[in-house]
Amino acid sequence: MAYSFAVSACLKRVDKLLKAGTEASLLYAALELRYGVEARMKEYLELTCYRFL
């Protein structure tokens, strides 16, 4: 199974981890949320940088 860093995939994993509610799952949810924010920032920068080239 391939691991996806797409924003929607990160958010799905965050939701699942938050529902688990364990200390470890909350830590991993925070990490997944960070991955999602970074993926969204990458999408945004790619769109805006190409617009100015």
PDB file of N, CA and C in Angstrom:
ATOM      1  N   MET A   1       0.852  -1.183   0.000  1.00  0.00           N
ATOM      2  CA  MET A   1       0.000   0.000   0.000  1.00  0.00           C
ATOM      3  C   MET A   1       0.892   1.239   0.000  1.00  0.00           C
ATOM      4  N   ALA A   2       0.625   2.148  -0.898  1.00  0.00           N
ATOM      5  CA  ALA A   2       1.393   3.389  -1.002  1.00  0.00           C
ATOM      6  C   ALA A   2       0.912   4.394   0.038  1.00  0.00           C
ATOM      7  N   TYR A   3       1.846   5.159   0.571  1.00  0.00           N
ATOM      8  CA  TYR A   3       1.527   6.179   1.562  1.00  0.00           C
ATOM      9  C   TYR A   3       1.371   7.503   0.841  1.00  0.00           C
ATOM     10  N   SER A   4       0.228   8.119   0.964  1.00  0.00           N
ATOM     11  CA  SER A   4      -0.061   9.361   0.252  1.00  0.00           C
ATOM     12  C   SER A   4       0.133  10.571   1.151  1.00  0.00           C
ATOM     13  N   PHE A   5       0.812  11.583   0.621  1.00  0.00           N
ATOM     14  CA  PHE A   5       0.979  12.843   1.337  1.00  0.00           C
ATOM     15  C   PHE A   5       0.008  13.900   0.825  1.00  0.00           C
ATOM     16  N   ALA A   6      -1.019  13.486   0.101  1.00  0.00           N
ATOM     17  CA  ALA A   6      -2.035  14.425  -0.359  1.00  0.00           C
ATOM     18  C   ALA A   6      -2.776  14.991   0.850  1.00  0.00           C
ATOM     19  N   VAL A   7      -3.224  16.224   0.722  1.00  0.00           N
ATOM     20  CA  VAL A   7      -3.892  16.902   1.835  1.00  0.00           C
ATOM     21  C   VAL A   7      -5.095  16.089   2.317  1.00  0.00           C
ATOM     22  N   SER A   8      -5.905  15.630   1.409  1.00  0.00           N
ATOM     23  CA  SER A   8      -7.104  14.887   1.803  1.00  0.00           C
ATOM     24  C   SER A   8      -6.749  13.583   2.520  1.00  0.00           C
ATOM     25  N   ALA A   9      -5.699  12.918   2.082  1.00  0.00           N
ATOM     26  CA  ALA A   9      -5.277  11.675   2.737  1.00  0.00           C
ATOM     27  C   ALA A   9      -4.767  11.959   4.148  1.00  0.00           C
ATOM     28  N   CYS A  10      -4.018  13.037   4.303  1.00  0.00           N
ATOM     29  CA  CYS A  10      -3.524  13.405   5.639  1.00  0.00           C
ATOM     30  C   CYS A  10      -4.690  13.694   6.578  1.00  0.00           C
ATOM     31  N   LEU A  11      -5.684  14.406   6.089  1.00  0.00           N
ATOM     32  CA  LEU A  11      -6.826  14.755   6.931  1.00  0.00           C
ATOM     33  C   LEU A  11      -7.640  13.525   7.321  1.00  0.00           C
ATOM     34  N   LYS A  12      -7.740  12.567   6.422  1.00  0.00           N
ATOM     35  CA  LYS A  12      -8.444  11.319   6.754  1.00  0.00           C
ATOM     36  C   LYS A  12      -7.717  10.568   7.860  1.00  0.00           C
ATOM     37  N   ARG A  13      -6.381  10.534   7.765  1.00  0.00           N
ATOM     38  CA  ARG A  13      -5.615   9.858   8.802  1.00  0.00           C
ATOM     39  C   ARG A  13      -5.721  10.600  10.131  1.00  0.00           C
ATOM     40  N   VAL A  14      -5.714  11.940  10.090  1.00  0.00           N
ATOM     41  CA  VAL A  14      -5.860  12.738  11.313  1.00  0.00           C
ATOM     42  C   VAL A  14      -7.186  12.412  11.983  1.00  0.00           C
ATOM     43  N   ASP A  15      -8.255  12.385  11.216  1.00  0.00           N
ATOM     44  CA  ASP A  15      -9.578  12.096  11.763  1.00  0.00           C
ATOM     45  C   ASP A  15      -9.606  10.723  12.431  1.00  0.00           C
ATOM     46  N   LYS A  16      -9.053   9.735  11.763  1.00  0.00           N
ATOM     47  CA  LYS A  16      -9.021   8.380  12.317  1.00  0.00           C
ATOM     48  C   LYS A  16      -8.200   8.328  13.605  1.00  0.00           C
ATOM     49  N   LEU A  17      -7.055   9.000  13.611  1.00  0.00           N
ATOM     50  CA  LEU A  17      -6.194   8.990  14.789  1.00  0.00           C
ATOM     51  C   LEU A  17      -6.827   9.731  15.963  1.00  0.00           C
ATOM     52  N   LEU A  18      -7.516  10.831  15.699  1.00  0.00           N
ATOM     53  CA  LEU A  18      -8.177  11.571  16.769  1.00  0.00           C
ATOM     54  C   LEU A  18      -9.282  10.754  17.412  1.00  0.00           C
ATOM     55  N   LYS A  19      -9.979   9.987  16.593  1.00  0.00           N
ATOM     56  CA  LYS A  19     -11.053   9.150  17.122  1.00  0.00           C
ATOM     57  C   LYS A  19     -10.510   8.036  18.016  1.00  0.00           C
ATOM     58  N   ALA A  20      -9.287   7.579  17.736  1.00  0.00           N
ATOM     59  CA  ALA A  20      -8.680   6.540  18.578  1.00  0.00           C
ATOM     60  C   ALA A  20      -8.449   7.085  19.988  1.00  0.00           C
ATOM     61  N   GLY A  21      -7.991   8.327  20.088  1.00  0.00           N
ATOM     62  CA  GLY A  21      -7.911   9.004  21.365  1.00  0.00           C
ATOM     63  C   GLY A  21      -6.786   8.602  22.309  1.00  0.00           C
ATOM     64  N   THR A  22      -5.915   7.708  21.890  1.00  0.00           N
ATOM     65  CA  THR A  22      -4.800   7.352  22.767  1.00  0.00           C
ATOM     66  C   THR A  22      -3.722   8.428  22.695  1.00  0.00           C
ATOM     67  N   GLU A  23      -2.836   8.405  23.664  1.00  0.00           N
ATOM     68  CA  GLU A  23      -1.761   9.402  23.681  1.00  0.00           C
ATOM     69  C   GLU A  23      -0.885   9.287  22.430  1.00  0.00           C
ATOM     70  N   ALA A  24      -0.565   8.052  22.057  1.00  0.00           N
ATOM     71  CA  ALA A  24       0.265   7.827  20.871  1.00  0.00           C
ATOM     72  C   ALA A  24      -0.458   8.281  19.600  1.00  0.00           C
ATOM     73  N   SER A  25      -1.744   7.990  19.498  1.00  0.00           N
ATOM     74  CA  SER A  25      -2.476   8.378  18.292  1.00  0.00           C
ATOM     75  C   SER A  25      -2.617   9.899  18.189  1.00  0.00           C
ATOM     76  N   LEU A  26      -2.719  10.587  19.321  1.00  0.00           N
ATOM     77  CA  LEU A  26      -2.775  12.045  19.287  1.00  0.00           C
ATOM     78  C   LEU A  26      -1.455  12.637  18.812  1.00  0.00           C
ATOM     79  N   LEU A  27      -0.351  12.030  19.207  1.00  0.00           N
ATOM     80  CA  LEU A  27       0.963  12.471  18.743  1.00  0.00           C
ATOM     81  C   LEU A  27       1.080  12.290  17.231  1.00  0.00           C
ATOM     82  N   TYR A  28       0.670  11.128  16.749  1.00  0.00           N
ATOM     83  CA  TYR A  28       0.724  10.876  15.315  1.00  0.00           C
ATOM     84  C   TYR A  28      -0.272  11.747  14.551  1.00  0.00           C
ATOM     85  N   ALA A  29      -1.392  12.070  15.150  1.00  0.00           N
ATOM     86  CA  ALA A  29      -2.358  12.966  14.512  1.00  0.00           C
ATOM     87  C   ALA A  29      -1.742  14.343  14.313  1.00  0.00           C
ATOM     88  N   ALA A  30      -0.992  14.820  15.308  1.00  0.00           N
ATOM     89  CA  ALA A  30      -0.319  16.112  15.186  1.00  0.00           C
ATOM     90  C   ALA A  30       0.699  16.077  14.053  1.00  0.00           C
ATOM     91  N   LEU A  31       1.422  14.976  13.936  1.00  0.00           N
ATOM     92  CA  LEU A  31       2.399  14.830  12.863  1.00  0.00           C
ATOM     93  C   LEU A  31       1.707  14.806  11.502  1.00  0.00           C
ATOM     94  N   GLU A  32       0.620  14.063  11.409  1.00  0.00           N
ATOM     95  CA  GLU A  32      -0.130  14.003  10.155  1.00  0.00           C
ATOM     96  C   GLU A  32      -0.698  15.376   9.794  1.00  0.00           C
ATOM     97  N   LEU A  33      -1.152  16.102  10.797  1.00  0.00           N
ATOM     98  CA  LEU A  33      -1.675  17.446  10.541  1.00  0.00           C
ATOM     99  C   LEU A  33      -0.570  18.334   9.982  1.00  0.00           C
ATOM    100  N   ARG A  34       0.621  18.212  10.536  1.00  0.00           N
ATOM    101  CA  ARG A  34       1.750  18.982  10.011  1.00  0.00           C
ATOM    102  C   ARG A  34       2.032  18.607   8.561  1.00  0.00           C
ATOM    103  N   TYR A  35       2.023  17.303   8.260  1.00  0.00           N
ATOM    104  CA  TYR A  35       2.226  16.869   6.879  1.00  0.00           C
ATOM    105  C   TYR A  35       1.169  17.485   5.956  1.00  0.00           C
ATOM    106  N   GLY A  36      -0.068  17.524   6.430  1.00  0.00           N
ATOM    107  CA  GLY A  36      -1.151  18.095   5.630  1.00  0.00           C
ATOM    108  C   GLY A  36      -0.957  19.579   5.385  1.00  0.00           C
ATOM    109  N   VAL A  37      -0.530  20.310   6.397  1.00  0.00           N
ATOM    110  CA  VAL A  37      -0.282  21.749   6.248  1.00  0.00           C
ATOM    111  C   VAL A  37       0.861  21.971   5.262  1.00  0.00           C
ATOM    112  N   GLU A  38       1.916  21.170   5.375  1.00  0.00           N
ATOM    113  CA  GLU A  38       3.042  21.305   4.457  1.00  0.00           C
ATOM    114  C   GLU A  38       2.632  20.968   3.026  1.00  0.00           C
ATOM    115  N   ALA A  39       1.805  19.948   2.860  1.00  0.00           N
ATOM    116  CA  ALA A  39       1.341  19.580   1.520  1.00  0.00           C
ATOM    117  C   ALA A  39       0.484  20.694   0.921  1.00  0.00           C
ATOM    118  N   ARG A  40      -0.372  21.291   1.744  1.00  0.00           N
ATOM    119  CA  ARG A  40      -1.213  22.385   1.261  1.00  0.00           C
ATOM    120  C   ARG A  40      -0.373  23.604   0.889  1.00  0.00           C
ATOM    121  N   MET A  41       0.653  23.900   1.691  1.00  0.00           N
ATOM    122  CA  MET A  41       1.542  25.015   1.396  1.00  0.00           C
ATOM    123  C   MET A  41       2.285  24.773   0.088  1.00  0.00           C
ATOM    124  N   LYS A  42       2.716  23.541  -0.125  1.00  0.00           N
ATOM    125  CA  LYS A  42       3.401  23.197  -1.372  1.00  0.00           C
ATOM    126  C   LYS A  42       2.479  23.411  -2.564  1.00  0.00           C
ATOM    127  N   GLU A  43       1.221  22.969  -2.450  1.00  0.00           N
ATOM    128  CA  GLU A  43       0.254  23.186  -3.535  1.00  0.00           C
ATOM    129  C   GLU A  43       0.085  24.674  -3.814  1.00  0.00           C
ATOM    130  N   TYR A  44      -0.067  25.454  -2.764  1.00  0.00           N
ATOM    131  CA  TYR A  44      -0.271  26.895  -2.894  1.00  0.00           C
ATOM    132  C   TYR A  44       0.928  27.559  -3.565  1.00  0.00           C
ATOM    133  N   LEU A  45       2.121  27.212  -3.110  1.00  0.00           N
ATOM    134  CA  LEU A  45       3.322  27.830  -3.668  1.00  0.00           C
ATOM    135  C   LEU A  45       3.530  27.441  -5.121  1.00  0.00           C
ATOM    136  N   GLU A  46       3.235  26.207  -5.448  1.00  0.00           N
ATOM    137  CA  GLU A  46       3.361  25.776  -6.852  1.00  0.00           C
ATOM    138  C   GLU A  46       2.413  26.575  -7.744  1.00  0.00           C
ATOM    139  N   LEU A  47       1.192  26.796  -7.267  1.00  0.00           N
ATOM    140  CA  LEU A  47       0.227  27.559  -8.064  1.00  0.00           C
ATOM    141  C   LEU A  47       0.624  29.016  -8.202  1.00  0.00           C
ATOM    142  N   THR A  48       1.062  29.633  -7.125  1.00  0.00           N
ATOM    143  CA  THR A  48       1.390  31.054  -7.195  1.00  0.00           C
ATOM    144  C   THR A  48       2.712  31.316  -7.880  1.00  0.00           C
ATOM    145  N   CYS A  49       3.685  30.433  -7.716  1.00  0.00           N
ATOM    146  CA  CYS A  49       4.979  30.649  -8.358  1.00  0.00           C
ATOM    147  C   CYS A  49       4.872  30.485  -9.869  1.00  0.00           C
ATOM    148  N   TYR A  50       4.102  29.511 -10.338  1.00  0.00           N
ATOM    149  CA  TYR A  50       3.950  29.316 -11.784  1.00  0.00           C
ATOM    150  C   TYR A  50       3.199  30.476 -12.416  1.00  0.00           C
ATOM    151  N   ARG A  51       2.358  31.113 -11.652  1.00  0.00           N
ATOM    152  CA  ARG A  51       1.584  32.238 -12.183  1.00  0.00           C
ATOM    153  C   ARG A  51       2.483  33.418 -12.522  1.00  0.00           C
ATOM    154  N   PHE A  52       3.598  33.571 -11.801  1.00  0.00           N
ATOM    155  CA  PHE A  52       4.467  34.716 -12.015  1.00  0.00           C
ATOM    156  C   PHE A  52       5.621  34.423 -12.947  1.00  0.00           C
ATOM    157  N   LEU A  53       5.725  33.197 -13.439  1.00  0.00           N
ATOM    158  CA  LEU A  53       6.820  32.870 -14.372  1.00  0.00           C
ATOM    159  C   LEU A  53       6.446  33.177 -15.789  1.00  0.00           C
TER     160      LEU A  53
END
